[in-house]
Amino acid sequence: MKAISYSRYGGPEVLEYGERPDPKVGPDAVLVKVRAAAVNPVDWKAQAGYLDGMMDAVFPVVPGWDVSGVVVQPGVSVTEFAVGDEVMGYVREDFLARGTFAEYVAAPVRTLARKPRTVGFEEAAALPLVGLTAYQALHQALAVRSGETVLVHAAAGGVGSMAVQIARHLGCRVLGAAREAGQERVRELGAEAVLYDERTFAEQVRTLAPDGVDAALDTIGGPFLRLTPDVLAPEGRLASIADGEVIALGGRYFWVRPDSADLAALAALVDEGVLTVRVARSFPLEEAAEAQRANMEGGLNGKVVVTVAWPD
């Protein structure tokens, strides 16, 4: 099969397009014919070696964790999916080796759910990591409830935009922090916009929520994370997906995990029109290095995906 891979840590320049062995399909996995795979910051951070203390890399590594495609072979013990099922997945394992930037991926069933019916493969591929991160952080790390006020950092970004939509669906009032370029997007999503300015950030939030916010989700870390405890209500909760310093600030450091039931819940929200995901740019598989560069540069109003072309 054709795939993107890297044989050493580095930037986009280490990515190579070429032939790789077809994946072996374990008993609890299915072989997915890939139609699209999304690019996420964690992909190029892992590729640069930032996760080396956490995850073994079995070189050459095929990058990518997000995917959408069609099941072409179920494993011998799989009953959840059949040939022809359209699926999406957050195909993260406990090591770096067989990712989704390829024509085929062997995906454990615990990482998959059926693709939303109402969107295409590109949008479906762009949903799993950011959607699961927001969904699990709000439900598990923060346990938000209807009627609460929730602050979402980088609310115009990938995880942030998902969190705004999910929190509003749960019946929360949402304050969305963003830079100037993201203010309009935050309002489009239905949140009350807060401008990132270290001098006025706390004052802005306190003006909107004088008693403090009930929950805050940090997606960027750094100075605005450190300012967030000052805008929490007395029993307010704080979680970060980006910065372990949150623990010293009294909050929780949260990592997303693959979960087929949560993925299915996200798919249902998409089909109900509650949740939308925006694709900004798409690249063919052989141009994955350029797709990665586009993701690294940022400033896009939506996700970056790579696509695999198949004959009709």
C-alpha atoms as a PDB file:
ATOM      1  CA  MET A   1       0.000   0.000   0.000  1.00  0.00           C
ATOM      2  CA  LYS A   2       0.980   3.646  -0.392  1.00  0.00           C
ATOM      3  CA  ALA A   3       1.638   5.519   2.843  1.00  0.00           C
ATOM      4  CA  ILE A   4       3.423   8.433   4.463  1.00  0.00           C
ATOM      5  CA  SER A   5       6.108   7.483   6.974  1.00  0.00           C
ATOM      6  CA  TYR A   6       9.164   8.764   8.818  1.00  0.00           C
ATOM      7  CA  SER A   7      12.261   6.850   9.892  1.00  0.00           C
ATOM      8  CA  ARG A   8      13.653   9.441  12.311  1.00  0.00           C
ATOM      9  CA  TYR A   9      12.315  12.270  14.403  1.00  0.00           C
ATOM     10  CA  GLY A  10      12.031  15.656  12.754  1.00  0.00           C
ATOM     11  CA  GLY A  11       9.797  18.121  10.943  1.00  0.00           C
ATOM     12  CA  PRO A  12       7.827  17.787   7.707  1.00  0.00           C
ATOM     13  CA  GLU A  13      11.070  17.200   5.834  1.00  0.00           C
ATOM     14  CA  VAL A  14      11.400  13.677   7.299  1.00  0.00           C
ATOM     15  CA  LEU A  15       8.102  12.502   5.791  1.00  0.00           C
ATOM     16  CA  GLU A  16       8.366  10.119   2.857  1.00  0.00           C
ATOM     17  CA  TYR A  17       5.680   8.872   0.477  1.00  0.00           C
ATOM     18  CA  GLY A  18       6.044   5.324  -0.780  1.00  0.00           C
ATOM     19  CA  GLU A  19       5.204   1.667  -0.403  1.00  0.00           C
ATOM     20  CA  ARG A  20       4.638   0.139   3.022  1.00  0.00           C
ATOM     21  CA  PRO A  21       3.543  -3.422   3.891  1.00  0.00           C
ATOM     22  CA  ASP A  22      -0.202  -3.956   4.096  1.00  0.00           C
ATOM     23  CA  PRO A  23      -1.366  -3.960   7.748  1.00  0.00           C
ATOM     24  CA  LYS A  24      -2.076  -7.244   9.510  1.00  0.00           C
ATOM     25  CA  VAL A  25      -5.606  -7.375  10.933  1.00  0.00           C
ATOM     26  CA  GLY A  26      -5.761  -8.625  14.509  1.00  0.00           C
ATOM     27  CA  PRO A  27      -8.767 -10.462  15.942  1.00  0.00           C
ATOM     28  CA  ASP A  28     -10.242  -7.316  17.517  1.00  0.00           C
ATOM     29  CA  ALA A  29      -9.502  -4.954  14.638  1.00  0.00           C
ATOM     30  CA  VAL A  30     -10.861  -4.148  11.201  1.00  0.00           C
ATOM     31  CA  LEU A  31      -9.047  -3.171   8.036  1.00  0.00           C
ATOM     32  CA  VAL A  32     -10.202   0.275   6.960  1.00  0.00           C
ATOM     33  CA  LYS A  33      -9.819   1.540   3.416  1.00  0.00           C
ATOM     34  CA  VAL A  34      -8.862   5.123   4.192  1.00  0.00           C
ATOM     35  CA  ARG A  35     -10.736   7.959   2.526  1.00  0.00           C
ATOM     36  CA  ALA A  36      -9.455  10.831   4.666  1.00  0.00           C
ATOM     37  CA  ALA A  37      -7.232  11.483   7.673  1.00  0.00           C
ATOM     38  CA  ALA A  38      -6.982  14.707   9.656  1.00  0.00           C
ATOM     39  CA  VAL A  39      -3.799  16.500  10.669  1.00  0.00           C
ATOM     40  CA  ASN A  40      -3.538  17.449  14.340  1.00  0.00           C
ATOM     41  CA  PRO A  41      -0.772  19.283  16.226  1.00  0.00           C
ATOM     42  CA  VAL A  42      -0.049  16.118  18.210  1.00  0.00           C
ATOM     43  CA  ASP A  43       0.946  14.409  14.938  1.00  0.00           C
ATOM     44  CA  TRP A  44       3.869  16.717  14.229  1.00  0.00           C
ATOM     45  CA  LYS A  45       4.755  17.005  17.916  1.00  0.00           C
ATOM     46  CA  ALA A  46       5.016  13.214  18.184  1.00  0.00           C
ATOM     47  CA  GLN A  47       6.991  13.189  14.951  1.00  0.00           C
ATOM     48  CA  ALA A  48       9.399  15.743  16.430  1.00  0.00           C
ATOM     49  CA  GLY A  49      10.039  13.421  19.380  1.00  0.00           C
ATOM     50  CA  TYR A  50       8.092  15.333  22.038  1.00  0.00           C
ATOM     51  CA  LEU A  51       6.288  12.150  23.146  1.00  0.00           C
ATOM     52  CA  ASP A  52       9.409  10.005  23.236  1.00  0.00           C
ATOM     53  CA  GLY A  53       9.331   9.774  27.034  1.00  0.00           C
ATOM     54  CA  MET A  54       5.766   8.440  26.862  1.00  0.00           C
ATOM     55  CA  MET A  55       5.413   6.335  23.724  1.00  0.00           C
ATOM     56  CA  ASP A  56       7.777   3.984  21.913  1.00  0.00           C
ATOM     57  CA  ALA A  57       8.310   4.745  18.236  1.00  0.00           C
ATOM     58  CA  VAL A  58       8.633   1.678  16.007  1.00  0.00           C
ATOM     59  CA  PHE A  59      10.348   3.101  12.932  1.00  0.00           C
ATOM     60  CA  PRO A  60       9.355   3.637  10.221  1.00  0.00           C
ATOM     61  CA  VAL A  61       6.278   5.320  11.712  1.00  0.00           C
ATOM     62  CA  VAL A  62       3.129   6.068   9.748  1.00  0.00           C
ATOM     63  CA  PRO A  63       1.721   9.238  11.397  1.00  0.00           C
ATOM     64  CA  GLY A  64      -1.902  10.186  11.985  1.00  0.00           C
ATOM     65  CA  TRP A  65      -4.594   9.194  14.490  1.00  0.00           C
ATOM     66  CA  ASP A  66      -7.797  10.559  12.920  1.00  0.00           C
ATOM     67  CA  VAL A  67      -9.414   8.649  10.062  1.00  0.00           C
ATOM     68  CA  SER A  68     -12.555   7.983   8.082  1.00  0.00           C
ATOM     69  CA  GLY A  69     -13.088   5.245   5.550  1.00  0.00           C
ATOM     70  CA  VAL A  70     -14.752   1.951   4.693  1.00  0.00           C
ATOM     71  CA  VAL A  71     -14.367  -1.429   6.394  1.00  0.00           C
ATOM     72  CA  VAL A  72     -12.959  -4.004   3.978  1.00  0.00           C
ATOM     73  CA  GLN A  73     -12.032  -6.807   6.388  1.00  0.00           C
ATOM     74  CA  PRO A  74     -13.221  -7.483   9.962  1.00  0.00           C
ATOM     75  CA  GLY A  75     -10.997  -9.360  12.392  1.00  0.00           C
ATOM     76  CA  VAL A  76     -12.036 -12.878  13.319  1.00  0.00           C
ATOM     77  CA  SER A  77     -13.730 -11.840  16.594  1.00  0.00           C
ATOM     78  CA  VAL A  78     -15.334  -8.631  15.350  1.00  0.00           C
ATOM     79  CA  THR A  79     -19.120  -8.421  15.415  1.00  0.00           C
ATOM     80  CA  GLU A  80     -19.454  -4.631  15.625  1.00  0.00           C
ATOM     81  CA  PHE A  81     -18.668  -3.889  11.956  1.00  0.00           C
ATOM     82  CA  ALA A  82     -19.095  -5.561   8.582  1.00  0.00           C
ATOM     83  CA  VAL A  83     -17.582  -5.134   5.134  1.00  0.00           C
ATOM     84  CA  GLY A  84     -18.860  -1.912   3.579  1.00  0.00           C
ATOM     85  CA  ASP A  85     -19.539  -0.047   6.826  1.00  0.00           C
ATOM     86  CA  GLU A  86     -18.473   3.594   6.709  1.00  0.00           C
ATOM     87  CA  VAL A  87     -16.533   4.435   9.865  1.00  0.00           C
ATOM     88  CA  MET A  88     -14.513   7.124  11.567  1.00  0.00           C
ATOM     89  CA  GLY A  89     -11.962   6.693  14.291  1.00  0.00           C
ATOM     90  CA  TYR A  90      -9.387   8.031  16.692  1.00  0.00           C
ATOM     91  CA  VAL A  91      -6.885   5.250  16.044  1.00  0.00           C
ATOM     92  CA  ARG A  92      -4.389   5.899  18.805  1.00  0.00           C
ATOM     93  CA  GLU A  93      -2.478   2.977  20.216  1.00  0.00           C
ATOM     94  CA  ASP A  94       0.102   2.962  23.019  1.00  0.00           C
ATOM     95  CA  PHE A  95       3.020   3.254  20.612  1.00  0.00           C
ATOM     96  CA  LEU A  96       3.813   5.078  17.370  1.00  0.00           C
ATOM     97  CA  ALA A  97       3.901   2.807  14.341  1.00  0.00           C
ATOM     98  CA  ARG A  98       0.819   2.242  12.195  1.00  0.00           C
ATOM     99  CA  GLY A  99      -1.019   5.502  11.749  1.00  0.00           C
ATOM    100  CA  THR A 100      -3.727   6.712   9.414  1.00  0.00           C
ATOM    101  CA  PHE A 101      -1.782   8.543   6.685  1.00  0.00           C
ATOM    102  CA  ALA A 102      -2.011   5.493   4.451  1.00  0.00           C
ATOM    103  CA  GLU A 103      -4.278   3.730   2.003  1.00  0.00           C
ATOM    104  CA  TYR A 104      -5.236   1.196   4.689  1.00  0.00           C
ATOM    105  CA  VAL A 105      -5.141   1.095   8.476  1.00  0.00           C
ATOM    106  CA  ALA A 106      -5.837  -1.792  10.849  1.00  0.00           C
ATOM    107  CA  ALA A 107      -7.963  -0.149  13.524  1.00  0.00           C
ATOM    108  CA  PRO A 108      -8.968  -1.734  16.857  1.00  0.00           C
ATOM    109  CA  VAL A 109     -12.759  -1.677  17.146  1.00  0.00           C
ATOM    110  CA  ARG A 110     -12.481   0.282  20.410  1.00  0.00           C
ATOM    111  CA  THR A 111     -11.196   3.225  18.346  1.00  0.00           C
ATOM    112  CA  LEU A 112     -14.053   3.320  15.804  1.00  0.00           C
ATOM    113  CA  ALA A 113     -17.678   4.290  15.341  1.00  0.00           C
ATOM    114  CA  ARG A 114     -19.928   4.577  12.322  1.00  0.00           C
ATOM    115  CA  LYS A 115     -19.424   7.733  10.308  1.00  0.00           C
ATOM    116  CA  PRO A 116     -22.123  10.413  10.622  1.00  0.00           C
ATOM    117  CA  ARG A 117     -24.582  10.012   7.761  1.00  0.00           C
ATOM    118  CA  THR A 118     -24.927  13.723   7.062  1.00  0.00           C
ATOM    119  CA  VAL A 119     -21.289  14.658   6.340  1.00  0.00           C
ATOM    120  CA  GLY A 120     -18.611  13.516   3.944  1.00  0.00           C
ATOM    121  CA  PHE A 121     -15.445  11.591   4.689  1.00  0.00           C
ATOM    122  CA  GLU A 122     -13.309  14.722   5.067  1.00  0.00           C
ATOM    123  CA  GLU A 123     -15.538  16.234   7.750  1.00  0.00           C
ATOM    124  CA  ALA A 124     -15.834  12.848   9.474  1.00  0.00           C
ATOM    125  CA  ALA A 125     -12.046  12.462   9.578  1.00  0.00           C
ATOM    126  CA  ALA A 126     -11.707  15.913  11.122  1.00  0.00           C
ATOM    127  CA  LEU A 127     -14.005  15.117  14.035  1.00  0.00           C
ATOM    128  CA  PRO A 128     -12.625  12.299  16.257  1.00  0.00           C
ATOM    129  CA  LEU A 129      -9.639  13.760  18.131  1.00  0.00           C
ATOM    130  CA  VAL A 130     -10.980  17.271  18.654  1.00  0.00           C
ATOM    131  CA  GLY A 131     -14.528  16.072  19.254  1.00  0.00           C
ATOM    132  CA  LEU A 132     -13.555  13.357  21.728  1.00  0.00           C
ATOM    133  CA  THR A 133     -11.197  15.703  23.568  1.00  0.00           C
ATOM    134  CA  ALA A 134     -13.904  18.311  24.071  1.00  0.00           C
ATOM    135  CA  TYR A 135     -16.631  15.758  24.845  1.00  0.00           C
ATOM    136  CA  GLN A 136     -14.617  13.823  27.413  1.00  0.00           C
ATOM    137  CA  ALA A 137     -13.106  16.913  29.035  1.00  0.00           C
ATOM    138  CA  LEU A 138     -16.529  18.466  29.563  1.00  0.00           C
ATOM    139  CA  HIS A 139     -18.234  15.270  30.730  1.00  0.00           C
ATOM    140  CA  GLN A 140     -15.436  13.570  32.667  1.00  0.00           C
ATOM    141  CA  ALA A 141     -12.815  16.107  33.755  1.00  0.00           C
ATOM    142  CA  LEU A 142     -15.205  19.005  34.426  1.00  0.00           C
ATOM    143  CA  ALA A 143     -18.589  17.276  34.820  1.00  0.00           C
ATOM    144  CA  VAL A 144     -20.422  20.341  33.514  1.00  0.00           C
ATOM    145  CA  ARG A 145     -24.148  20.651  34.140  1.00  0.00           C
ATOM    146  CA  SER A 146     -27.010  22.553  32.580  1.00  0.00           C
ATOM    147  CA  GLY A 147     -27.219  26.127  33.825  1.00  0.00           C
ATOM    148  CA  GLU A 148     -23.503  26.471  34.567  1.00  0.00           C
ATOM    149  CA  THR A 149     -21.189  29.079  33.064  1.00  0.00           C
ATOM    150  CA  VAL A 150     -18.237  27.546  31.225  1.00  0.00           C
ATOM    151  CA  LEU A 151     -15.089  29.322  30.009  1.00  0.00           C
ATOM    152  CA  VAL A 152     -13.436  27.776  26.941  1.00  0.00           C
ATOM    153  CA  HIS A 153      -9.932  28.810  25.937  1.00  0.00           C
ATOM    154  CA  ALA A 154      -9.014  29.102  22.230  1.00  0.00           C
ATOM    155  CA  ALA A 155     -12.716  28.803  21.529  1.00  0.00           C
ATOM    156  CA  ALA A 156     -12.275  29.347  17.788  1.00  0.00           C
ATOM    157  CA  GLY A 157      -9.787  26.477  17.486  1.00  0.00           C
ATOM    158  CA  GLY A 158     -10.267  22.787  16.863  1.00  0.00           C
ATOM    159  CA  VAL A 159     -10.978  21.514  20.377  1.00  0.00           C
ATOM    160  CA  GLY A 160     -12.337  24.848  21.565  1.00  0.00           C
ATOM    161  CA  SER A 161     -14.982  25.121  18.863  1.00  0.00           C
ATOM    162  CA  MET A 162     -16.158  21.595  19.659  1.00  0.00           C
ATOM    163  CA  ALA A 163     -16.286  22.400  23.377  1.00  0.00           C
ATOM    164  CA  VAL A 164     -18.370  25.523  22.806  1.00  0.00           C
ATOM    165  CA  GLN A 165     -20.951  23.624  20.779  1.00  0.00           C
ATOM    166  CA  ILE A 166     -21.122  20.659  23.171  1.00  0.00           C
ATOM    167  CA  ALA A 167     -21.351  22.856  26.272  1.00  0.00           C
ATOM    168  CA  ARG A 168     -24.158  24.902  24.751  1.00  0.00           C
ATOM    169  CA  HIS A 169     -25.983  21.687  23.858  1.00  0.00           C
ATOM    170  CA  LEU A 170     -25.666  20.648  27.507  1.00  0.00           C
ATOM    171  CA  GLY A 171     -27.458  23.839  28.509  1.00  0.00           C
ATOM    172  CA  CYS A 172     -24.457  25.866  29.634  1.00  0.00           C
ATOM    173  CA  ARG A 173     -23.696  29.528  29.174  1.00  0.00           C
ATOM    174  CA  VAL A 174     -20.328  29.693  27.389  1.00  0.00           C
ATOM    175  CA  LEU A 175     -17.636  32.362  27.445  1.00  0.00           C
ATOM    176  CA  GLY A 176     -15.172  31.834  24.594  1.00  0.00           C
ATOM    177  CA  ALA A 177     -11.666  33.283  24.786  1.00  0.00           C
ATOM    178  CA  ALA A 178      -9.913  33.971  21.488  1.00  0.00           C
ATOM    179  CA  ARG A 179      -7.574  36.367  19.779  1.00  0.00           C
ATOM    180  CA  GLU A 180      -8.943  39.150  17.592  1.00  0.00           C
ATOM    181  CA  ALA A 181      -9.059  36.973  14.466  1.00  0.00           C
ATOM    182  CA  GLY A 182     -11.242  34.416  16.229  1.00  0.00           C
ATOM    183  CA  GLN A 183     -13.785  36.732  17.836  1.00  0.00           C
ATOM    184  CA  GLU A 184     -16.350  36.469  15.034  1.00  0.00           C
ATOM    185  CA  ARG A 185     -16.083  32.680  14.963  1.00  0.00           C
ATOM    186  CA  VAL A 186     -16.661  32.525  18.728  1.00  0.00           C
ATOM    187  CA  ARG A 187     -19.862  34.523  18.360  1.00  0.00           C
ATOM    188  CA  GLU A 188     -20.994  32.387  15.415  1.00  0.00           C
ATOM    189  CA  LEU A 189     -20.730  29.355  17.693  1.00  0.00           C
ATOM    190  CA  GLY A 190     -23.017  31.015  20.221  1.00  0.00           C
ATOM    191  CA  ALA A 191     -20.481  31.956  22.901  1.00  0.00           C
ATOM    192  CA  GLU A 192     -19.832  35.320  24.507  1.00  0.00           C
ATOM    193  CA  ALA A 193     -16.429  36.455  23.269  1.00  0.00           C
ATOM    194  CA  VAL A 194     -13.481  37.309  25.516  1.00  0.00           C
ATOM    195  CA  LEU A 195     -10.406  38.879  23.910  1.00  0.00           C
ATOM    196  CA  TYR A 196      -6.987  37.508  24.797  1.00  0.00           C
ATOM    197  CA  ASP A 197      -5.179  40.392  26.498  1.00  0.00           C
ATOM    198  CA  GLU A 198      -3.139  39.568  29.593  1.00  0.00           C
ATOM    199  CA  ARG A 199      -3.859  42.997  31.119  1.00  0.00           C
ATOM    200  CA  THR A 200      -7.652  42.802  30.801  1.00  0.00           C
ATOM    201  CA  PHE A 201      -8.479  39.095  30.547  1.00  0.00           C
ATOM    202  CA  ALA A 202      -9.600  38.585  34.152  1.00  0.00           C
ATOM    203  CA  GLU A 203     -11.557  41.843  34.153  1.00  0.00           C
ATOM    204  CA  GLN A 204     -13.398  40.879  30.959  1.00  0.00           C
ATOM    205  CA  VAL A 205     -14.418  37.502  32.372  1.00  0.00           C
ATOM    206  CA  ARG A 206     -15.453  38.982  35.717  1.00  0.00           C
ATOM    207  CA  THR A 207     -17.554  41.613  33.938  1.00  0.00           C
ATOM    208  CA  LEU A 208     -19.468  38.862  32.146  1.00  0.00           C
ATOM    209  CA  ALA A 209     -19.545  36.511  35.144  1.00  0.00           C
ATOM    210  CA  PRO A 210     -19.210  38.561  38.358  1.00  0.00           C
ATOM    211  CA  ASP A 211     -19.472  35.479  40.571  1.00  0.00           C
ATOM    212  CA  GLY A 212     -16.908  33.575  38.526  1.00  0.00           C
ATOM    213  CA  VAL A 213     -17.242  30.717  36.063  1.00  0.00           C
ATOM    214  CA  ASP A 214     -18.264  27.260  37.179  1.00  0.00           C
ATOM    215  CA  ALA A 215     -15.849  25.420  34.901  1.00  0.00           C
ATOM    216  CA  ALA A 216     -12.949  26.333  32.620  1.00  0.00           C
ATOM    217  CA  LEU A 217     -11.362  24.265  29.868  1.00  0.00           C
ATOM    218  CA  ASP A 218      -7.830  25.275  28.897  1.00  0.00           C
ATOM    219  CA  THR A 219      -6.544  24.185  25.495  1.00  0.00           C
ATOM    220  CA  ILE A 220      -3.405  26.333  25.159  1.00  0.00           C
ATOM    221  CA  GLY A 221      -1.565  26.524  28.491  1.00  0.00           C
ATOM    222  CA  GLY A 222       0.787  29.340  29.377  1.00  0.00           C
ATOM    223  CA  PRO A 223      -0.100  32.758  30.797  1.00  0.00           C
ATOM    224  CA  PHE A 224      -3.843  32.545  30.225  1.00  0.00           C
ATOM    225  CA  LEU A 225      -4.013  29.234  32.043  1.00  0.00           C
ATOM    226  CA  ARG A 226      -2.260  30.893  34.992  1.00  0.00           C
ATOM    227  CA  LEU A 227      -4.823  33.725  34.963  1.00  0.00           C
ATOM    228  CA  THR A 228      -7.796  31.347  34.942  1.00  0.00           C
ATOM    229  CA  PRO A 229      -7.981  30.379  38.646  1.00  0.00           C
ATOM    230  CA  ASP A 230      -8.693  34.034  39.428  1.00  0.00           C
ATOM    231  CA  VAL A 231     -11.923  33.927  37.402  1.00  0.00           C
ATOM    232  CA  LEU A 232     -13.311  30.687  38.839  1.00  0.00           C
ATOM    233  CA  ALA A 233     -16.293  30.631  41.180  1.00  0.00           C
ATOM    234  CA  PRO A 234     -15.459  29.448  44.740  1.00  0.00           C
ATOM    235  CA  GLU A 235     -16.213  25.820  43.788  1.00  0.00           C
ATOM    236  CA  GLY A 236     -15.174  26.237  40.156  1.00  0.00           C
ATOM    237  CA  ARG A 237     -13.355  23.460  38.294  1.00  0.00           C
ATOM    238  CA  LEU A 238     -10.388  23.783  35.947  1.00  0.00           C
ATOM    239  CA  ALA A 239      -8.981  21.309  33.432  1.00  0.00           C
ATOM    240  CA  SER A 240      -6.257  21.590  30.813  1.00  0.00           C
ATOM    241  CA  ILE A 241      -5.453  19.414  27.829  1.00  0.00           C
ATOM    242  CA  ALA A 242      -2.285  21.370  27.084  1.00  0.00           C
ATOM    243  CA  ASP A 243      -0.262  22.167  30.205  1.00  0.00           C
ATOM    244  CA  GLY A 244       0.591  20.008  33.211  1.00  0.00           C
ATOM    245  CA  GLU A 245       1.041  23.168  35.294  1.00  0.00           C
ATOM    246  CA  VAL A 246      -2.737  23.014  35.765  1.00  0.00           C
ATOM    247  CA  ILE A 247      -2.218  20.470  38.570  1.00  0.00           C
ATOM    248  CA  ALA A 248      -0.270  23.010  40.646  1.00  0.00           C
ATOM    249  CA  LEU A 249      -3.107  25.456  40.022  1.00  0.00           C
ATOM    250  CA  GLY A 250      -5.616  23.066  41.557  1.00  0.00           C
ATOM    251  CA  GLY A 251      -6.985  21.693  38.295  1.00  0.00           C
ATOM    252  CA  ARG A 252      -6.835  18.471  36.331  1.00  0.00           C
ATOM    253  CA  TYR A 253      -4.533  17.567  33.451  1.00  0.00           C
ATOM    254  CA  PHE A 254      -6.600  15.591  30.950  1.00  0.00           C
ATOM    255  CA  TRP A 255      -5.721  13.315  28.022  1.00  0.00           C
ATOM    256  CA  VAL A 256      -8.308  12.058  25.560  1.00  0.00           C
ATOM    257  CA  ARG A 257      -8.662   8.315  24.980  1.00  0.00           C
ATOM    258  CA  PRO A 258     -10.280   6.299  22.179  1.00  0.00           C
ATOM    259  CA  ASP A 259     -13.861   5.369  23.016  1.00  0.00           C
ATOM    260  CA  SER A 260     -16.326   3.963  20.510  1.00  0.00           C
ATOM    261  CA  ALA A 261     -19.405   4.934  22.565  1.00  0.00           C
ATOM    262  CA  ASP A 262     -18.268   8.554  22.858  1.00  0.00           C
ATOM    263  CA  LEU A 263     -17.500   8.619  19.129  1.00  0.00           C
ATOM    264  CA  ALA A 264     -20.989   7.318  18.390  1.00  0.00           C
ATOM    265  CA  ALA A 265     -22.446  10.069  20.599  1.00  0.00           C
ATOM    266  CA  LEU A 266     -20.501  12.681  18.613  1.00  0.00           C
ATOM    267  CA  ALA A 267     -21.735  11.197  15.329  1.00  0.00           C
ATOM    268  CA  ALA A 268     -25.312  11.472  16.605  1.00  0.00           C
ATOM    269  CA  LEU A 269     -24.775  15.133  17.522  1.00  0.00           C
ATOM    270  CA  VAL A 270     -23.515  15.796  13.987  1.00  0.00           C
ATOM    271  CA  ASP A 271     -26.505  14.053  12.413  1.00  0.00           C
ATOM    272  CA  GLU A 272     -28.863  16.015  14.693  1.00  0.00           C
ATOM    273  CA  GLY A 273     -27.346  19.287  13.494  1.00  0.00           C
ATOM    274  CA  VAL A 274     -26.008  20.130  16.959  1.00  0.00           C
ATOM    275  CA  LEU A 275     -22.332  19.808  16.090  1.00  0.00           C
ATOM    276  CA  THR A 276     -20.518  21.048  13.005  1.00  0.00           C
ATOM    277  CA  VAL A 277     -16.905  20.527  12.002  1.00  0.00           C
ATOM    278  CA  ARG A 278     -15.193  22.771   9.485  1.00  0.00           C
ATOM    279  CA  VAL A 279     -12.495  21.665   7.022  1.00  0.00           C
ATOM    280  CA  ALA A 280     -10.271  24.525   5.889  1.00  0.00           C
ATOM    281  CA  ARG A 281      -7.910  22.749   3.462  1.00  0.00           C
ATOM    282  CA  SER A 282      -7.421  19.275   2.056  1.00  0.00           C
ATOM    283  CA  PHE A 283      -4.340  17.755   0.447  1.00  0.00           C
ATOM    284  CA  PRO A 284      -3.770  14.464  -1.385  1.00  0.00           C
ATOM    285  CA  LEU A 285      -1.941  11.828   0.627  1.00  0.00           C
ATOM    286  CA  GLU A 286       1.301  12.314  -1.264  1.00  0.00           C
ATOM    287  CA  GLU A 287       1.325  15.982  -0.141  1.00  0.00           C
ATOM    288  CA  ALA A 288       1.009  15.181   3.571  1.00  0.00           C
ATOM    289  CA  ALA A 289       4.170  17.169   4.347  1.00  0.00           C
ATOM    290  CA  GLU A 290       2.501  20.288   2.966  1.00  0.00           C
ATOM    291  CA  ALA A 291      -0.635  19.496   4.944  1.00  0.00           C
ATOM    292  CA  GLN A 292       1.480  19.254   8.067  1.00  0.00           C
ATOM    293  CA  ARG A 293       3.146  22.588   7.337  1.00  0.00           C
ATOM    294  CA  ALA A 294      -0.271  24.207   6.911  1.00  0.00           C
ATOM    295  CA  ASN A 295      -1.335  22.863  10.303  1.00  0.00           C
ATOM    296  CA  MET A 296       1.884  24.060  11.934  1.00  0.00           C
ATOM    297  CA  GLU A 297       1.507  27.573  10.508  1.00  0.00           C
ATOM    298  CA  GLY A 298      -2.026  27.857  11.896  1.00  0.00           C
ATOM    299  CA  GLY A 299      -4.382  30.714  11.176  1.00  0.00           C
ATOM    300  CA  LEU A 300      -6.837  28.510   9.286  1.00  0.00           C
ATOM    301  CA  ASN A 301     -10.533  28.628  10.022  1.00  0.00           C
ATOM    302  CA  GLY A 302     -10.968  24.879  10.255  1.00  0.00           C
ATOM    303  CA  LYS A 303      -9.133  21.579  10.061  1.00  0.00           C
ATOM    304  CA  VAL A 304      -6.513  20.302   7.626  1.00  0.00           C
ATOM    305  CA  VAL A 305      -7.078  16.846   6.135  1.00  0.00           C
ATOM    306  CA  VAL A 306      -5.291  14.512   3.734  1.00  0.00           C
ATOM    307  CA  THR A 307      -7.351  12.445   1.321  1.00  0.00           C
ATOM    308  CA  VAL A 308      -6.851   9.159  -0.472  1.00  0.00           C
ATOM    309  CA  ALA A 309      -8.186   8.975  -4.031  1.00  0.00           C
ATOM    310  CA  TRP A 310      -9.804   5.676  -5.036  1.00  0.00           C
ATOM    311  CA  PRO A 311     -11.246   4.789  -8.439  1.00  0.00           C
ATOM    312  CA  ASP A 312     -15.059   4.639  -8.535  1.00  0.00           C
END
